[in-house]
N, C-alpha and C. Protein backbone atom coordinates (compact mmCIF):
# COMPACT_ATOMS: atom_id res chain seq x y z
N MET A 1 -9.40 -23.49 16.22
CA MET A 1 -8.24 -22.65 16.49
C MET A 1 -8.37 -21.33 15.73
N ALA A 2 -8.07 -20.22 16.41
CA ALA A 2 -8.19 -18.91 15.77
C ALA A 2 -7.18 -18.78 14.64
N ARG A 3 -7.59 -18.13 13.58
CA ARG A 3 -6.73 -17.89 12.43
C ARG A 3 -5.96 -16.58 12.65
N THR A 4 -4.80 -16.49 12.01
CA THR A 4 -3.93 -15.33 12.23
C THR A 4 -3.40 -14.81 10.91
N ILE A 5 -3.43 -13.48 10.78
CA ILE A 5 -2.83 -12.78 9.65
C ILE A 5 -1.63 -12.00 10.17
N ALA A 6 -0.50 -12.11 9.48
CA ALA A 6 0.68 -11.33 9.82
C ALA A 6 0.81 -10.17 8.86
N ALA A 7 0.94 -8.97 9.40
CA ALA A 7 1.12 -7.77 8.59
C ALA A 7 2.58 -7.34 8.68
N VAL A 8 3.22 -7.22 7.52
CA VAL A 8 4.63 -6.84 7.47
C VAL A 8 4.73 -5.47 6.80
N THR A 9 5.10 -4.46 7.57
CA THR A 9 5.30 -3.13 7.03
C THR A 9 6.73 -2.96 6.55
N ILE A 10 6.93 -2.10 5.56
CA ILE A 10 8.29 -1.81 5.11
C ILE A 10 8.97 -0.81 6.04
N GLY A 11 8.22 -0.28 7.02
CA GLY A 11 8.77 0.61 8.03
C GLY A 11 8.92 -0.13 9.34
N GLN A 12 8.38 0.46 10.41
CA GLN A 12 8.46 -0.15 11.73
C GLN A 12 7.08 -0.47 12.26
N ALA A 13 6.97 -1.61 12.94
CA ALA A 13 5.73 -2.01 13.59
C ALA A 13 5.72 -1.46 15.02
N PRO A 14 4.50 -1.23 15.54
CA PRO A 14 3.20 -1.47 14.91
C PRO A 14 2.78 -0.33 14.00
N ARG A 15 1.73 -0.59 13.19
CA ARG A 15 1.17 0.43 12.32
C ARG A 15 -0.28 0.70 12.74
N PRO A 16 -0.48 1.52 13.79
CA PRO A 16 -1.84 1.80 14.25
C PRO A 16 -2.66 2.60 13.26
N ASP A 17 -2.01 3.17 12.25
CA ASP A 17 -2.72 3.92 11.21
C ASP A 17 -3.22 3.01 10.10
N VAL A 18 -2.83 1.73 10.10
CA VAL A 18 -3.20 0.81 9.02
C VAL A 18 -3.94 -0.42 9.54
N VAL A 19 -3.31 -1.15 10.45
CA VAL A 19 -3.80 -2.48 10.82
C VAL A 19 -5.18 -2.47 11.46
N PRO A 20 -5.53 -1.53 12.35
CA PRO A 20 -6.87 -1.58 12.91
C PRO A 20 -7.99 -1.52 11.87
N GLU A 21 -7.84 -0.69 10.84
CA GLU A 21 -8.88 -0.64 9.80
C GLU A 21 -8.94 -1.95 9.02
N MET A 22 -7.79 -2.56 8.76
CA MET A 22 -7.79 -3.82 8.04
C MET A 22 -8.36 -4.94 8.90
N SER A 23 -8.00 -4.97 10.18
CA SER A 23 -8.48 -6.04 11.05
C SER A 23 -10.00 -5.96 11.26
N ALA A 24 -10.56 -4.75 11.17
CA ALA A 24 -12.01 -4.61 11.29
C ALA A 24 -12.75 -5.31 10.16
N LEU A 25 -12.06 -5.53 9.04
CA LEU A 25 -12.65 -6.22 7.89
C LEU A 25 -12.43 -7.73 7.94
N THR A 26 -11.78 -8.20 9.02
CA THR A 26 -11.52 -9.64 9.18
C THR A 26 -11.97 -10.08 10.57
N PRO A 27 -13.26 -9.98 10.89
CA PRO A 27 -13.72 -10.29 12.25
C PRO A 27 -13.38 -11.73 12.64
N GLY A 28 -12.96 -11.87 13.92
CA GLY A 28 -12.64 -13.19 14.44
C GLY A 28 -11.25 -13.67 14.09
N VAL A 29 -10.46 -12.83 13.44
CA VAL A 29 -9.11 -13.21 13.02
C VAL A 29 -8.10 -12.39 13.81
N GLY A 30 -7.05 -13.02 14.31
CA GLY A 30 -5.99 -12.31 15.02
C GLY A 30 -4.96 -11.75 14.06
N TRP A 31 -4.36 -10.64 14.44
CA TRP A 31 -3.31 -10.02 13.62
C TRP A 31 -2.04 -9.88 14.44
N ILE A 32 -0.91 -10.15 13.81
CA ILE A 32 0.39 -9.85 14.39
C ILE A 32 1.14 -8.96 13.40
N GLU A 33 2.16 -8.26 13.90
CA GLU A 33 2.86 -7.29 13.04
C GLU A 33 4.37 -7.43 13.16
N ALA A 34 5.04 -7.09 12.06
CA ALA A 34 6.50 -6.99 12.06
C ALA A 34 6.87 -5.91 11.06
N GLY A 35 8.05 -5.30 11.26
CA GLY A 35 8.50 -4.25 10.36
C GLY A 35 9.88 -4.54 9.80
N ALA A 36 10.07 -4.17 8.54
CA ALA A 36 11.38 -4.34 7.91
C ALA A 36 12.46 -3.54 8.62
N LEU A 37 12.07 -2.43 9.25
CA LEU A 37 13.05 -1.55 9.90
C LEU A 37 13.01 -1.65 11.42
N ASP A 38 12.36 -2.67 11.94
CA ASP A 38 12.31 -2.84 13.40
C ASP A 38 13.72 -2.93 13.97
N GLY A 39 13.99 -2.16 15.03
CA GLY A 39 15.29 -2.19 15.68
C GLY A 39 16.37 -1.39 14.99
N PHE A 40 16.05 -0.71 13.89
CA PHE A 40 17.07 0.06 13.18
C PHE A 40 17.45 1.31 13.96
N ASP A 41 18.75 1.57 14.06
CA ASP A 41 19.20 2.85 14.57
C ASP A 41 19.41 3.80 13.38
N ASP A 42 19.89 5.00 13.64
CA ASP A 42 20.03 5.99 12.57
C ASP A 42 21.01 5.54 11.48
N THR A 43 22.04 4.81 11.87
CA THR A 43 23.02 4.34 10.88
C THR A 43 22.40 3.31 9.95
N ALA A 44 21.68 2.35 10.52
CA ALA A 44 21.02 1.32 9.70
C ALA A 44 19.94 1.94 8.83
N LEU A 45 19.22 2.91 9.38
CA LEU A 45 18.18 3.57 8.61
C LEU A 45 18.76 4.32 7.42
N ALA A 46 19.89 4.96 7.60
CA ALA A 46 20.52 5.72 6.51
C ALA A 46 20.84 4.83 5.32
N ALA A 47 21.11 3.56 5.58
CA ALA A 47 21.50 2.63 4.51
C ALA A 47 20.33 2.24 3.61
N VAL A 48 19.10 2.43 4.06
CA VAL A 48 17.95 2.04 3.24
C VAL A 48 17.17 3.24 2.70
N LEU A 49 17.59 4.46 3.05
CA LEU A 49 16.92 5.63 2.50
C LEU A 49 17.09 5.65 0.99
N CYS A 50 16.12 6.20 0.30
CA CYS A 50 16.11 6.14 -1.16
C CYS A 50 17.28 6.91 -1.76
N ARG A 51 17.92 6.28 -2.73
CA ARG A 51 19.02 6.88 -3.47
C ARG A 51 18.62 7.00 -4.95
N PRO A 52 19.30 7.85 -5.71
CA PRO A 52 19.00 7.95 -7.14
C PRO A 52 19.07 6.58 -7.82
N GLY A 53 18.09 6.32 -8.66
CA GLY A 53 18.04 5.05 -9.37
C GLY A 53 17.16 4.00 -8.72
N ASP A 54 16.78 4.22 -7.46
CA ASP A 54 15.87 3.31 -6.77
C ASP A 54 14.48 3.94 -6.75
N PHE A 55 13.44 3.10 -6.66
CA PHE A 55 12.07 3.61 -6.63
C PHE A 55 11.73 4.00 -5.20
N PRO A 56 11.26 5.25 -4.97
CA PRO A 56 11.00 5.70 -3.60
C PRO A 56 9.67 5.16 -3.06
N LEU A 57 9.72 4.75 -1.80
CA LEU A 57 8.52 4.28 -1.10
C LEU A 57 8.46 4.99 0.25
N VAL A 58 7.29 5.53 0.58
CA VAL A 58 7.14 6.22 1.86
C VAL A 58 6.52 5.28 2.87
N THR A 59 7.03 5.31 4.10
CA THR A 59 6.51 4.49 5.17
C THR A 59 6.64 5.26 6.47
N ARG A 60 6.32 4.59 7.59
CA ARG A 60 6.40 5.27 8.88
C ARG A 60 7.26 4.49 9.85
N LEU A 61 7.96 5.24 10.71
CA LEU A 61 8.67 4.64 11.83
C LEU A 61 7.70 4.49 13.01
N ALA A 62 8.15 3.80 14.04
CA ALA A 62 7.29 3.59 15.22
C ALA A 62 6.90 4.91 15.87
N SER A 63 7.73 5.93 15.72
CA SER A 63 7.44 7.25 16.27
C SER A 63 6.34 7.97 15.51
N GLY A 64 5.97 7.46 14.35
CA GLY A 64 5.01 8.13 13.48
C GLY A 64 5.65 8.96 12.40
N ARG A 65 6.97 9.13 12.46
CA ARG A 65 7.67 9.94 11.46
C ARG A 65 7.72 9.22 10.11
N PRO A 66 7.31 9.90 9.03
CA PRO A 66 7.43 9.27 7.72
C PRO A 66 8.87 9.30 7.21
N VAL A 67 9.26 8.25 6.50
CA VAL A 67 10.58 8.19 5.87
C VAL A 67 10.40 7.64 4.46
N VAL A 68 11.34 7.99 3.59
CA VAL A 68 11.30 7.51 2.21
C VAL A 68 12.47 6.55 2.02
N VAL A 69 12.14 5.30 1.75
CA VAL A 69 13.15 4.27 1.56
C VAL A 69 13.18 3.86 0.09
N GLY A 70 14.25 3.19 -0.30
CA GLY A 70 14.36 2.67 -1.65
C GLY A 70 13.77 1.27 -1.75
N GLU A 71 13.05 1.01 -2.83
CA GLU A 71 12.41 -0.30 -3.01
C GLU A 71 13.44 -1.43 -2.99
N ARG A 72 14.52 -1.28 -3.74
CA ARG A 72 15.55 -2.33 -3.76
C ARG A 72 16.31 -2.39 -2.44
N ALA A 73 16.58 -1.23 -1.85
CA ALA A 73 17.37 -1.21 -0.62
C ALA A 73 16.65 -1.89 0.53
N VAL A 74 15.33 -1.74 0.60
CA VAL A 74 14.59 -2.28 1.74
C VAL A 74 14.13 -3.72 1.51
N ALA A 75 14.20 -4.21 0.27
CA ALA A 75 13.65 -5.53 -0.06
C ALA A 75 14.20 -6.66 0.81
N PRO A 76 15.53 -6.76 1.04
CA PRO A 76 16.00 -7.86 1.89
C PRO A 76 15.50 -7.79 3.32
N HIS A 77 15.22 -6.58 3.80
CA HIS A 77 14.73 -6.43 5.16
C HIS A 77 13.23 -6.80 5.23
N VAL A 78 12.50 -6.56 4.15
CA VAL A 78 11.11 -7.02 4.08
C VAL A 78 11.09 -8.55 4.13
N GLU A 79 11.98 -9.17 3.35
CA GLU A 79 12.06 -10.64 3.36
C GLU A 79 12.39 -11.16 4.75
N ALA A 80 13.31 -10.51 5.44
CA ALA A 80 13.67 -10.95 6.79
C ALA A 80 12.49 -10.82 7.75
N ALA A 81 11.70 -9.75 7.61
CA ALA A 81 10.53 -9.57 8.47
C ALA A 81 9.48 -10.64 8.19
N VAL A 82 9.31 -11.00 6.92
CA VAL A 82 8.38 -12.07 6.58
C VAL A 82 8.82 -13.37 7.24
N ARG A 83 10.11 -13.67 7.20
CA ARG A 83 10.61 -14.91 7.82
C ARG A 83 10.34 -14.93 9.33
N ARG A 84 10.37 -13.76 9.97
CA ARG A 84 10.16 -13.71 11.42
C ARG A 84 8.74 -14.08 11.81
N VAL A 85 7.77 -13.84 10.94
CA VAL A 85 6.37 -14.04 11.34
C VAL A 85 5.66 -15.17 10.61
N GLU A 86 6.25 -15.70 9.55
CA GLU A 86 5.50 -16.65 8.73
C GLU A 86 5.11 -17.91 9.50
N GLY A 87 5.92 -18.32 10.45
CA GLY A 87 5.60 -19.53 11.21
C GLY A 87 4.44 -19.36 12.16
N ALA A 88 4.08 -18.12 12.48
CA ALA A 88 3.01 -17.85 13.43
C ALA A 88 1.71 -17.41 12.76
N ALA A 89 1.68 -17.43 11.43
CA ALA A 89 0.52 -16.89 10.71
C ALA A 89 -0.03 -17.89 9.71
N ASP A 90 -1.31 -17.72 9.37
CA ASP A 90 -1.92 -18.49 8.30
C ASP A 90 -1.77 -17.79 6.96
N VAL A 91 -1.72 -16.46 6.99
CA VAL A 91 -1.55 -15.63 5.79
C VAL A 91 -0.63 -14.48 6.18
N VAL A 92 0.24 -14.08 5.26
CA VAL A 92 1.13 -12.94 5.48
C VAL A 92 0.79 -11.86 4.46
N VAL A 93 0.69 -10.62 4.92
CA VAL A 93 0.35 -9.48 4.06
C VAL A 93 1.48 -8.46 4.13
N VAL A 94 2.00 -8.05 2.98
CA VAL A 94 2.98 -6.97 2.92
C VAL A 94 2.22 -5.65 2.84
N LEU A 95 2.52 -4.73 3.75
CA LEU A 95 1.79 -3.46 3.81
C LEU A 95 2.45 -2.41 2.92
N CYS A 96 2.54 -2.70 1.63
CA CYS A 96 3.14 -1.76 0.68
C CYS A 96 2.78 -2.21 -0.73
N THR A 97 2.64 -1.25 -1.63
CA THR A 97 2.36 -1.60 -3.03
C THR A 97 3.62 -1.61 -3.88
N GLY A 98 4.80 -1.65 -3.24
CA GLY A 98 6.03 -1.84 -3.99
C GLY A 98 6.08 -3.21 -4.63
N GLU A 99 6.93 -3.35 -5.63
CA GLU A 99 6.98 -4.60 -6.41
C GLU A 99 7.96 -5.58 -5.78
N PHE A 100 7.57 -6.13 -4.63
CA PHE A 100 8.41 -7.08 -3.91
C PHE A 100 8.12 -8.51 -4.35
N ARG A 101 9.17 -9.31 -4.38
CA ARG A 101 9.04 -10.75 -4.62
C ARG A 101 9.71 -11.44 -3.44
N VAL A 102 8.89 -11.99 -2.56
CA VAL A 102 9.39 -12.50 -1.29
C VAL A 102 8.99 -13.97 -1.13
N PRO A 103 9.94 -14.87 -0.90
CA PRO A 103 9.56 -16.26 -0.61
C PRO A 103 8.88 -16.36 0.74
N CYS A 104 7.91 -17.24 0.84
CA CYS A 104 7.15 -17.37 2.09
C CYS A 104 6.56 -18.77 2.17
N ARG A 105 6.56 -19.36 3.36
CA ARG A 105 5.99 -20.69 3.55
C ARG A 105 4.48 -20.66 3.75
N ARG A 106 3.90 -19.48 3.82
CA ARG A 106 2.46 -19.32 3.95
C ARG A 106 1.95 -18.54 2.74
N PRO A 107 0.63 -18.56 2.48
CA PRO A 107 0.11 -17.68 1.43
C PRO A 107 0.52 -16.23 1.70
N LEU A 108 1.10 -15.59 0.70
CA LEU A 108 1.62 -14.23 0.86
C LEU A 108 0.86 -13.30 -0.08
N LEU A 109 0.28 -12.24 0.49
CA LEU A 109 -0.41 -11.23 -0.31
C LEU A 109 0.53 -10.06 -0.56
N VAL A 110 0.88 -9.87 -1.82
CA VAL A 110 1.70 -8.73 -2.23
C VAL A 110 0.77 -7.75 -2.93
N PRO A 111 0.46 -6.62 -2.30
CA PRO A 111 -0.63 -5.76 -2.78
C PRO A 111 -0.50 -5.27 -4.22
N TYR A 112 0.72 -5.02 -4.73
CA TYR A 112 0.79 -4.48 -6.08
C TYR A 112 0.24 -5.48 -7.09
N ARG A 113 0.43 -6.79 -6.84
CA ARG A 113 -0.11 -7.79 -7.76
C ARG A 113 -1.63 -7.82 -7.70
N LEU A 114 -2.17 -7.78 -6.48
CA LEU A 114 -3.62 -7.79 -6.31
C LEU A 114 -4.24 -6.54 -6.91
N LEU A 115 -3.66 -5.38 -6.62
CA LEU A 115 -4.21 -4.13 -7.11
C LEU A 115 -4.16 -4.09 -8.64
N SER A 116 -3.04 -4.52 -9.21
CA SER A 116 -2.91 -4.54 -10.65
C SER A 116 -3.97 -5.42 -11.30
N ALA A 117 -4.16 -6.62 -10.73
CA ALA A 117 -5.15 -7.55 -11.28
C ALA A 117 -6.56 -6.98 -11.16
N ALA A 118 -6.86 -6.37 -10.01
CA ALA A 118 -8.20 -5.84 -9.79
C ALA A 118 -8.50 -4.69 -10.75
N VAL A 119 -7.54 -3.77 -10.91
CA VAL A 119 -7.79 -2.60 -11.75
C VAL A 119 -7.88 -2.99 -13.22
N THR A 120 -7.00 -3.86 -13.67
CA THR A 120 -7.04 -4.25 -15.08
C THR A 120 -8.24 -5.13 -15.40
N ALA A 121 -8.89 -5.68 -14.37
CA ALA A 121 -10.10 -6.46 -14.58
C ALA A 121 -11.34 -5.59 -14.77
N ILE A 122 -11.22 -4.30 -14.46
CA ILE A 122 -12.35 -3.38 -14.58
C ILE A 122 -12.30 -2.71 -15.95
N ASP A 123 -13.38 -2.82 -16.70
CA ASP A 123 -13.48 -2.13 -17.99
C ASP A 123 -13.93 -0.70 -17.72
N THR A 124 -12.95 0.21 -17.66
CA THR A 124 -13.27 1.58 -17.26
C THR A 124 -13.77 2.44 -18.40
N ALA A 125 -13.49 2.04 -19.64
CA ALA A 125 -13.87 2.82 -20.82
C ALA A 125 -13.38 4.27 -20.71
N GLY A 126 -12.21 4.44 -20.15
CA GLY A 126 -11.67 5.78 -20.00
C GLY A 126 -10.49 5.79 -19.06
N PRO A 127 -9.94 6.97 -18.80
CA PRO A 127 -8.74 7.05 -17.97
C PRO A 127 -8.98 6.68 -16.51
N VAL A 128 -7.91 6.23 -15.87
CA VAL A 128 -7.93 5.89 -14.46
C VAL A 128 -6.98 6.83 -13.72
N ALA A 129 -7.47 7.46 -12.65
CA ALA A 129 -6.61 8.31 -11.82
C ALA A 129 -5.91 7.45 -10.79
N ILE A 130 -4.59 7.54 -10.75
CA ILE A 130 -3.78 6.81 -9.79
C ILE A 130 -3.27 7.79 -8.75
N LEU A 131 -3.68 7.63 -7.50
CA LEU A 131 -3.17 8.48 -6.43
C LEU A 131 -1.90 7.85 -5.86
N THR A 132 -0.85 8.65 -5.76
CA THR A 132 0.43 8.17 -5.28
C THR A 132 0.97 9.17 -4.26
N PRO A 133 1.73 8.72 -3.25
CA PRO A 133 2.09 9.63 -2.15
C PRO A 133 3.19 10.63 -2.44
N LEU A 134 4.09 10.33 -3.38
CA LEU A 134 5.29 11.14 -3.56
C LEU A 134 5.41 11.66 -4.99
N ALA A 135 5.81 12.92 -5.12
CA ALA A 135 6.02 13.49 -6.45
C ALA A 135 7.11 12.73 -7.21
N ASP A 136 8.13 12.23 -6.49
CA ASP A 136 9.21 11.50 -7.14
C ASP A 136 8.75 10.16 -7.72
N GLN A 137 7.58 9.69 -7.29
CA GLN A 137 7.05 8.43 -7.82
C GLN A 137 6.29 8.62 -9.13
N ALA A 138 5.86 9.84 -9.39
CA ALA A 138 4.89 10.06 -10.47
C ALA A 138 5.35 9.58 -11.84
N PRO A 139 6.57 9.93 -12.32
CA PRO A 139 6.96 9.47 -13.66
C PRO A 139 6.97 7.95 -13.79
N ALA A 140 7.50 7.26 -12.78
CA ALA A 140 7.54 5.80 -12.83
C ALA A 140 6.14 5.21 -12.72
N GLN A 141 5.26 5.86 -11.97
CA GLN A 141 3.89 5.36 -11.85
C GLN A 141 3.16 5.42 -13.19
N VAL A 142 3.37 6.48 -13.93
CA VAL A 142 2.76 6.57 -15.26
C VAL A 142 3.19 5.38 -16.11
N VAL A 143 4.48 5.08 -16.10
CA VAL A 143 5.00 3.97 -16.89
C VAL A 143 4.47 2.64 -16.38
N ARG A 144 4.51 2.43 -15.06
CA ARG A 144 4.06 1.16 -14.48
C ARG A 144 2.62 0.84 -14.87
N TRP A 145 1.75 1.84 -14.73
CA TRP A 145 0.34 1.58 -14.99
C TRP A 145 0.03 1.54 -16.49
N ARG A 146 0.71 2.33 -17.29
CA ARG A 146 0.49 2.25 -18.73
C ARG A 146 1.02 0.95 -19.31
N ASP A 147 2.06 0.40 -18.68
CA ASP A 147 2.53 -0.93 -19.09
C ASP A 147 1.48 -2.01 -18.82
N ARG A 148 0.56 -1.72 -17.92
CA ARG A 148 -0.54 -2.65 -17.63
C ARG A 148 -1.76 -2.37 -18.49
N GLY A 149 -1.61 -1.49 -19.47
CA GLY A 149 -2.67 -1.23 -20.42
C GLY A 149 -3.65 -0.16 -20.03
N LEU A 150 -3.31 0.66 -19.04
CA LEU A 150 -4.24 1.68 -18.57
C LEU A 150 -3.85 3.06 -19.08
N ASP A 151 -4.86 3.88 -19.31
CA ASP A 151 -4.65 5.30 -19.55
C ASP A 151 -4.57 5.95 -18.16
N ALA A 152 -3.35 6.05 -17.64
CA ALA A 152 -3.15 6.44 -16.24
C ALA A 152 -2.95 7.94 -16.09
N LEU A 153 -3.71 8.53 -15.17
CA LEU A 153 -3.55 9.93 -14.80
C LEU A 153 -3.04 9.93 -13.35
N VAL A 154 -1.77 10.27 -13.16
CA VAL A 154 -1.18 10.18 -11.83
C VAL A 154 -1.35 11.50 -11.08
N ILE A 155 -1.88 11.41 -9.86
CA ILE A 155 -2.08 12.56 -8.98
C ILE A 155 -1.32 12.31 -7.69
N VAL A 156 -0.49 13.26 -7.29
CA VAL A 156 0.27 13.14 -6.05
C VAL A 156 -0.59 13.60 -4.88
N ALA A 157 -0.76 12.73 -3.89
CA ALA A 157 -1.58 13.05 -2.71
C ALA A 157 -1.05 12.26 -1.53
N SER A 158 -0.37 12.90 -0.62
CA SER A 158 0.26 12.19 0.48
C SER A 158 -0.73 11.86 1.59
N PRO A 159 -0.75 10.60 2.06
CA PRO A 159 -1.58 10.26 3.22
C PRO A 159 -0.93 10.69 4.53
N TYR A 160 0.32 11.15 4.47
CA TYR A 160 1.07 11.51 5.67
C TYR A 160 1.23 13.02 5.84
N ALA A 161 0.51 13.79 5.02
CA ALA A 161 0.54 15.25 5.11
C ALA A 161 -0.89 15.76 5.24
N ASP A 162 -1.03 17.06 5.34
CA ASP A 162 -2.36 17.67 5.49
C ASP A 162 -2.98 17.86 4.11
N THR A 163 -3.36 16.74 3.50
CA THR A 163 -3.89 16.74 2.14
C THR A 163 -5.40 16.89 2.14
N ASP A 164 -5.92 17.73 1.27
CA ASP A 164 -7.37 17.90 1.10
C ASP A 164 -7.85 16.86 0.09
N PHE A 165 -8.37 15.75 0.58
CA PHE A 165 -8.74 14.66 -0.31
C PHE A 165 -10.03 14.96 -1.08
N GLY A 166 -10.84 15.87 -0.59
CA GLY A 166 -11.97 16.33 -1.38
C GLY A 166 -11.48 17.03 -2.63
N ALA A 167 -10.47 17.90 -2.47
CA ALA A 167 -9.89 18.59 -3.62
C ALA A 167 -9.24 17.60 -4.59
N VAL A 168 -8.64 16.55 -4.05
CA VAL A 168 -8.04 15.52 -4.90
C VAL A 168 -9.12 14.83 -5.73
N GLY A 169 -10.24 14.53 -5.12
CA GLY A 169 -11.34 13.91 -5.85
C GLY A 169 -11.87 14.80 -6.95
N ARG A 170 -12.01 16.09 -6.67
CA ARG A 170 -12.48 17.01 -7.69
C ARG A 170 -11.47 17.12 -8.84
N GLN A 171 -10.20 17.11 -8.51
CA GLN A 171 -9.17 17.16 -9.54
C GLN A 171 -9.25 15.94 -10.45
N ALA A 172 -9.44 14.77 -9.87
CA ALA A 172 -9.54 13.55 -10.67
C ALA A 172 -10.74 13.61 -11.61
N ARG A 173 -11.86 14.13 -11.09
CA ARG A 173 -13.05 14.24 -11.94
C ARG A 173 -12.81 15.23 -13.07
N GLU A 174 -12.19 16.36 -12.77
CA GLU A 174 -11.93 17.37 -13.80
C GLU A 174 -10.95 16.87 -14.86
N MET A 175 -10.07 15.96 -14.47
CA MET A 175 -9.12 15.37 -15.43
C MET A 175 -9.77 14.31 -16.31
N GLY A 176 -11.00 13.95 -15.98
CA GLY A 176 -11.72 12.98 -16.80
C GLY A 176 -11.61 11.54 -16.36
N ALA A 177 -11.15 11.30 -15.13
CA ALA A 177 -11.00 9.93 -14.65
C ALA A 177 -12.36 9.25 -14.53
N ARG A 178 -12.40 7.99 -14.94
CA ARG A 178 -13.62 7.19 -14.79
C ARG A 178 -13.60 6.37 -13.50
N VAL A 179 -12.40 6.01 -13.06
CA VAL A 179 -12.19 5.26 -11.82
C VAL A 179 -10.96 5.86 -11.14
N ILE A 180 -10.92 5.82 -9.80
CA ILE A 180 -9.79 6.33 -9.04
C ILE A 180 -9.18 5.18 -8.24
N VAL A 181 -7.87 5.08 -8.26
CA VAL A 181 -7.15 4.03 -7.54
C VAL A 181 -6.22 4.68 -6.53
N MET A 182 -6.37 4.33 -5.25
CA MET A 182 -5.54 4.89 -4.18
C MET A 182 -4.41 3.91 -3.92
N ASP A 183 -3.25 4.18 -4.56
CA ASP A 183 -2.16 3.22 -4.66
C ASP A 183 -1.13 3.39 -3.54
N CYS A 184 -1.58 3.18 -2.31
CA CYS A 184 -0.67 3.20 -1.15
C CYS A 184 -1.44 2.65 0.04
N LEU A 185 -0.79 1.82 0.85
CA LEU A 185 -1.45 1.28 2.05
C LEU A 185 -1.70 2.35 3.09
N GLY A 186 -1.07 3.53 2.95
CA GLY A 186 -1.28 4.61 3.91
C GLY A 186 -2.61 5.31 3.77
N TYR A 187 -3.26 5.18 2.63
CA TYR A 187 -4.57 5.82 2.45
C TYR A 187 -5.62 5.11 3.31
N THR A 188 -6.48 5.89 3.95
CA THR A 188 -7.47 5.36 4.89
C THR A 188 -8.87 5.31 4.28
N LEU A 189 -9.76 4.65 5.01
CA LEU A 189 -11.17 4.60 4.58
C LEU A 189 -11.77 6.00 4.52
N ALA A 190 -11.41 6.87 5.48
CA ALA A 190 -11.93 8.23 5.47
C ALA A 190 -11.42 9.02 4.27
N MET A 191 -10.17 8.82 3.91
CA MET A 191 -9.63 9.47 2.72
C MET A 191 -10.36 9.00 1.47
N ARG A 192 -10.59 7.71 1.38
CA ARG A 192 -11.33 7.16 0.25
C ARG A 192 -12.74 7.76 0.17
N ALA A 193 -13.41 7.87 1.32
CA ALA A 193 -14.75 8.43 1.34
C ALA A 193 -14.75 9.86 0.83
N ALA A 194 -13.76 10.65 1.22
CA ALA A 194 -13.67 12.05 0.78
C ALA A 194 -13.42 12.13 -0.72
N VAL A 195 -12.54 11.29 -1.23
CA VAL A 195 -12.24 11.29 -2.67
C VAL A 195 -13.47 10.87 -3.46
N GLN A 196 -14.10 9.81 -3.02
CA GLN A 196 -15.25 9.28 -3.78
C GLN A 196 -16.42 10.25 -3.75
N SER A 197 -16.67 10.87 -2.60
CA SER A 197 -17.78 11.81 -2.50
C SER A 197 -17.57 13.01 -3.40
N ALA A 198 -16.35 13.56 -3.40
CA ALA A 198 -16.07 14.75 -4.19
C ALA A 198 -15.98 14.46 -5.68
N SER A 199 -15.48 13.28 -6.03
CA SER A 199 -15.28 12.95 -7.44
C SER A 199 -16.53 12.36 -8.09
N GLU A 200 -17.39 11.71 -7.27
CA GLU A 200 -18.53 10.96 -7.78
C GLU A 200 -18.07 9.88 -8.76
N ARG A 201 -16.91 9.29 -8.44
CA ARG A 201 -16.34 8.22 -9.26
C ARG A 201 -16.04 7.02 -8.36
N PRO A 202 -16.17 5.80 -8.89
CA PRO A 202 -15.77 4.63 -8.11
C PRO A 202 -14.31 4.76 -7.69
N THR A 203 -14.03 4.46 -6.43
CA THR A 203 -12.69 4.66 -5.88
C THR A 203 -12.24 3.38 -5.18
N LEU A 204 -11.09 2.88 -5.62
CA LEU A 204 -10.56 1.62 -5.11
C LEU A 204 -9.46 1.90 -4.09
N LEU A 205 -9.63 1.36 -2.88
CA LEU A 205 -8.68 1.55 -1.78
C LEU A 205 -7.92 0.25 -1.56
N VAL A 206 -6.59 0.29 -1.66
CA VAL A 206 -5.83 -0.95 -1.63
C VAL A 206 -5.89 -1.64 -0.27
N ARG A 207 -5.93 -0.89 0.84
CA ARG A 207 -5.92 -1.57 2.14
C ARG A 207 -7.18 -2.40 2.37
N SER A 208 -8.34 -1.91 1.94
CA SER A 208 -9.56 -2.70 2.12
C SER A 208 -9.62 -3.85 1.13
N LEU A 209 -9.12 -3.64 -0.08
CA LEU A 209 -9.07 -4.73 -1.07
C LEU A 209 -8.21 -5.88 -0.54
N VAL A 210 -7.05 -5.57 -0.01
CA VAL A 210 -6.15 -6.59 0.51
C VAL A 210 -6.77 -7.29 1.72
N ALA A 211 -7.36 -6.52 2.62
CA ALA A 211 -7.95 -7.10 3.82
C ALA A 211 -9.07 -8.07 3.48
N ARG A 212 -9.87 -7.72 2.48
CA ARG A 212 -10.99 -8.60 2.11
C ARG A 212 -10.50 -9.90 1.48
N LEU A 213 -9.44 -9.84 0.70
CA LEU A 213 -8.90 -11.09 0.16
C LEU A 213 -8.25 -11.91 1.26
N ALA A 214 -7.57 -11.25 2.19
CA ALA A 214 -6.99 -11.97 3.32
C ALA A 214 -8.08 -12.68 4.12
N ALA A 215 -9.22 -12.00 4.29
CA ALA A 215 -10.35 -12.62 5.01
C ALA A 215 -10.84 -13.86 4.29
N GLU A 216 -10.86 -13.83 2.97
CA GLU A 216 -11.26 -15.01 2.20
C GLU A 216 -10.28 -16.17 2.41
N LEU A 217 -9.01 -15.84 2.48
CA LEU A 217 -8.00 -16.88 2.60
C LEU A 217 -8.01 -17.56 3.97
N VAL A 218 -8.45 -16.86 5.00
CA VAL A 218 -8.47 -17.45 6.34
C VAL A 218 -9.87 -17.88 6.77
N ALA A 219 -10.86 -17.72 5.90
CA ALA A 219 -12.24 -18.07 6.27
C ALA A 219 -12.35 -19.56 6.57
């Protein structure tokens, strides 16, 4: 019987900018999708937009439009989306590096835990550049990663704008980064290639890291 991975976005499904690259790393495995904001009208969407005091997370609607939601505000809707797909999947993946804690009847991959474990397992012997999509995330990102024992250099680089990722890589190198971490599921393989080529530094991409662990779980 074919194995299935369910991808749950904090925005709206499908995510053609994310899932095809991840599914290419899991040959022979089927993927299904659900979104925390599926079916939301403008009124429902307004209720989850980021407010002061909540951690901002950027995602996409089905139209392709990016929106910034609050981590706490969207959490119950992420949980509801997981419940919709968990019965049809062998593994469930949350397509966000927000700090979600979601009950699930299947193995659940929450990327921030995986990314944190992977990065702290690397002896970098120097600072780590953390790429984050939003300027409003930067102060909290410094704290989050330094609480994990890292000398974190946070660089704002949106995957949803016309960002020069070669320039981002050069900036990370000039800042003295030994390793670069692309801390958003929106970053693509091509963006990672541009950063790594320009920086000449090892560069960790969360979407491929998550996809490879998911492949291990369904092998």
